[in-house]
Structure formats: structure tokens, C-alpha cells
Amino acid sequence: MNDTSDTNAAPAADLEVDATGLKCPLPILRAKKALAQLTTGQVLKVITTDPHAVRDFQAFARQTGNPLLRQIESGETSVHFLARR
């Protein structure tokens, strides 16, 4: 039997924001607005192409207390998973 479970799998998202093509601070502002729609523990997925987004979302998570669950970088695209605190 094959075990297809992946401990590095992306978290399941309750809401997704496509911020591709947007530059700072717009991806963060969109994320902030989307997080306000979620309840505690729900997960937000944000897709970005801004090269500074990885660092920006790390700082955003530290400043707001919303845990950054995972960041996935693939080429010019980054995907960020935040949990609502």
C-alpha cells in the first residue's frame, strides 16, 4: 500500500486572494481585508508575484499575530498561508 500523505502539503484554505501583479503594499492590504472576513483558526491563501512578498508576509504575521503557516515559492509566484488569530 502506498502512503500518499505529505507532511509538507499546503494547508487547506478557507479563503483565497489572488494578488498576482500587485506590488507592495497591495497584497498585504488585500490579505488584511480578507482575514477580517474569517473566524479564528480559518486559513487564508494569498498568491503573489511581488518579489518582496515573502519578506512582507513574514513581517505582517509578526506584527499582527496571525500565524504564517507556510510559504511556497515557485518561480516568480509565492503562495502564503495565514491563519486568523
C-alpha atoms as a PDB file:
ATOM      1  CA  MET A   1       0.000   0.000   0.000  1.00  0.00           C
ATOM      2  CA  ASN A   2       1.341   3.448  -0.908  1.00  0.00           C
ATOM      3  CA  ASP A   3       1.242   6.236   1.637  1.00  0.00           C
ATOM      4  CA  THR A   4       0.450   9.413  -0.287  1.00  0.00           C
ATOM      5  CA  SER A   5       0.307  11.657   2.773  1.00  0.00           C
ATOM      6  CA  ASP A   6       2.692  14.592   2.530  1.00  0.00           C
ATOM      7  CA  THR A   7       3.773  16.372   5.688  1.00  0.00           C
ATOM      8  CA  ASN A   8       4.796  19.329   3.510  1.00  0.00           C
ATOM      9  CA  ALA A   9       1.382  19.597   1.866  1.00  0.00           C
ATOM     10  CA  ALA A  10      -0.140  23.048   1.725  1.00  0.00           C
ATOM     11  CA  PRO A  11      -2.758  23.783   4.387  1.00  0.00           C
ATOM     12  CA  ALA A  12      -6.393  23.716   3.299  1.00  0.00           C
ATOM     13  CA  ALA A  13      -7.546  27.292   2.694  1.00  0.00           C
ATOM     14  CA  ASP A  14     -10.920  28.699   3.696  1.00  0.00           C
ATOM     15  CA  LEU A  15     -10.464  31.793   1.515  1.00  0.00           C
ATOM     16  CA  GLU A  16      -8.108  32.623  -1.357  1.00  0.00           C
ATOM     17  CA  VAL A  17      -6.854  36.006  -2.542  1.00  0.00           C
ATOM     18  CA  ASP A  18      -5.174  36.384  -5.920  1.00  0.00           C
ATOM     19  CA  ALA A  19      -2.788  39.326  -5.603  1.00  0.00           C
ATOM     20  CA  THR A  20      -0.707  38.478  -8.660  1.00  0.00           C
ATOM     21  CA  GLY A  21       0.564  41.532 -10.477  1.00  0.00           C
ATOM     22  CA  LEU A  22       0.136  43.745  -7.419  1.00  0.00           C
ATOM     23  CA  LYS A  23       3.049  45.475  -5.715  1.00  0.00           C
ATOM     24  CA  CYS A  24       3.526  46.246  -2.033  1.00  0.00           C
ATOM     25  CA  PRO A  25       1.528  47.263  -0.074  1.00  0.00           C
ATOM     26  CA  LEU A  26      -1.496  45.999  -2.029  1.00  0.00           C
ATOM     27  CA  PRO A  27      -1.034  42.231  -1.371  1.00  0.00           C
ATOM     28  CA  ILE A  28      -0.785  42.911   2.377  1.00  0.00           C
ATOM     29  CA  LEU A  29      -3.817  45.209   2.313  1.00  0.00           C
ATOM     30  CA  ARG A  30      -5.851  42.590   0.437  1.00  0.00           C
ATOM     31  CA  ALA A  31      -4.761  39.949   2.941  1.00  0.00           C
ATOM     32  CA  LYS A  32      -5.702  42.159   5.881  1.00  0.00           C
ATOM     33  CA  LYS A  33      -9.168  42.752   4.426  1.00  0.00           C
ATOM     34  CA  ALA A  34      -9.665  39.035   3.706  1.00  0.00           C
ATOM     35  CA  LEU A  35      -8.523  37.981   7.196  1.00  0.00           C
ATOM     36  CA  ALA A  36     -11.212  40.240   8.651  1.00  0.00           C
ATOM     37  CA  GLN A  37     -13.817  38.035   6.906  1.00  0.00           C
ATOM     38  CA  LEU A  38     -12.511  34.857   8.551  1.00  0.00           C
ATOM     39  CA  THR A  39     -13.078  33.447  12.011  1.00  0.00           C
ATOM     40  CA  THR A  40     -10.354  32.335  14.415  1.00  0.00           C
ATOM     41  CA  GLY A  41      -8.413  29.358  13.093  1.00  0.00           C
ATOM     42  CA  GLN A  42      -9.524  29.685   9.479  1.00  0.00           C
ATOM     43  CA  VAL A  43      -6.810  29.823   6.816  1.00  0.00           C
ATOM     44  CA  LEU A  44      -6.194  32.444   4.140  1.00  0.00           C
ATOM     45  CA  LYS A  45      -4.227  31.641   0.983  1.00  0.00           C
ATOM     46  CA  VAL A  46      -2.632  34.600  -0.814  1.00  0.00           C
ATOM     47  CA  ILE A  47      -0.983  34.261  -4.236  1.00  0.00           C
ATOM     48  CA  THR A  48       1.571  36.953  -5.082  1.00  0.00           C
ATOM     49  CA  THR A  49       4.176  37.842  -7.695  1.00  0.00           C
ATOM     50  CA  ASP A  50       5.807  40.762  -5.850  1.00  0.00           C
ATOM     51  CA  PRO A  51       9.439  39.732  -5.201  1.00  0.00           C
ATOM     52  CA  HIS A  52       9.282  41.314  -1.724  1.00  0.00           C
ATOM     53  CA  ALA A  53       6.089  39.496  -0.690  1.00  0.00           C
ATOM     54  CA  VAL A  54       7.823  36.642   1.147  1.00  0.00           C
ATOM     55  CA  ARG A  55       9.555  39.051   3.498  1.00  0.00           C
ATOM     56  CA  ASP A  56       6.492  41.327   3.682  1.00  0.00           C
ATOM     57  CA  PHE A  57       4.191  38.488   4.766  1.00  0.00           C
ATOM     58  CA  GLN A  58       6.691  37.326   7.396  1.00  0.00           C
ATOM     59  CA  ALA A  59       6.716  40.838   8.873  1.00  0.00           C
ATOM     60  CA  PHE A  60       2.918  41.113   8.583  1.00  0.00           C
ATOM     61  CA  ALA A  61       2.473  37.863  10.520  1.00  0.00           C
ATOM     62  CA  ARG A  62       4.843  39.017  13.278  1.00  0.00           C
ATOM     63  CA  GLN A  63       3.143  42.418  13.568  1.00  0.00           C
ATOM     64  CA  THR A  64      -0.455  41.153  13.546  1.00  0.00           C
ATOM     65  CA  GLY A  65      -0.094  37.874  15.424  1.00  0.00           C
ATOM     66  CA  ASN A  66      -1.772  35.935  12.591  1.00  0.00           C
ATOM     67  CA  PRO A  67       0.394  32.810  12.244  1.00  0.00           C
ATOM     68  CA  LEU A  68       2.153  32.329   8.909  1.00  0.00           C
ATOM     69  CA  LEU A  69       1.640  28.607   8.379  1.00  0.00           C
ATOM     70  CA  ARG A  70       3.592  28.159   5.167  1.00  0.00           C
ATOM     71  CA  GLN A  71       5.123  29.979   2.214  1.00  0.00           C
ATOM     72  CA  ILE A  72       5.703  28.269  -1.110  1.00  0.00           C
ATOM     73  CA  GLU A  73       7.892  29.875  -3.753  1.00  0.00           C
ATOM     74  CA  SER A  74       7.681  28.665  -7.344  1.00  0.00           C
ATOM     75  CA  GLY A  75       9.393  30.766  -9.982  1.00  0.00           C
ATOM     76  CA  GLU A  76       8.027  34.301  -9.764  1.00  0.00           C
ATOM     77  CA  THR A  77       4.981  33.241  -7.764  1.00  0.00           C
ATOM     78  CA  SER A  78       4.728  32.916  -3.990  1.00  0.00           C
ATOM     79  CA  VAL A  79       1.839  31.441  -2.048  1.00  0.00           C
ATOM     80  CA  HIS A  80       1.326  32.415   1.580  1.00  0.00           C
ATOM     81  CA  PHE A  81      -0.905  30.659   4.110  1.00  0.00           C
ATOM     82  CA  LEU A  82      -2.008  32.673   7.136  1.00  0.00           C
ATOM     83  CA  ALA A  83      -4.247  31.550   9.972  1.00  0.00           C
ATOM     84  CA  ARG A  84      -6.682  34.014  11.501  1.00  0.00           C
ATOM     85  CA  ARG A  85      -5.811  34.576  15.156  1.00  0.00           C
END
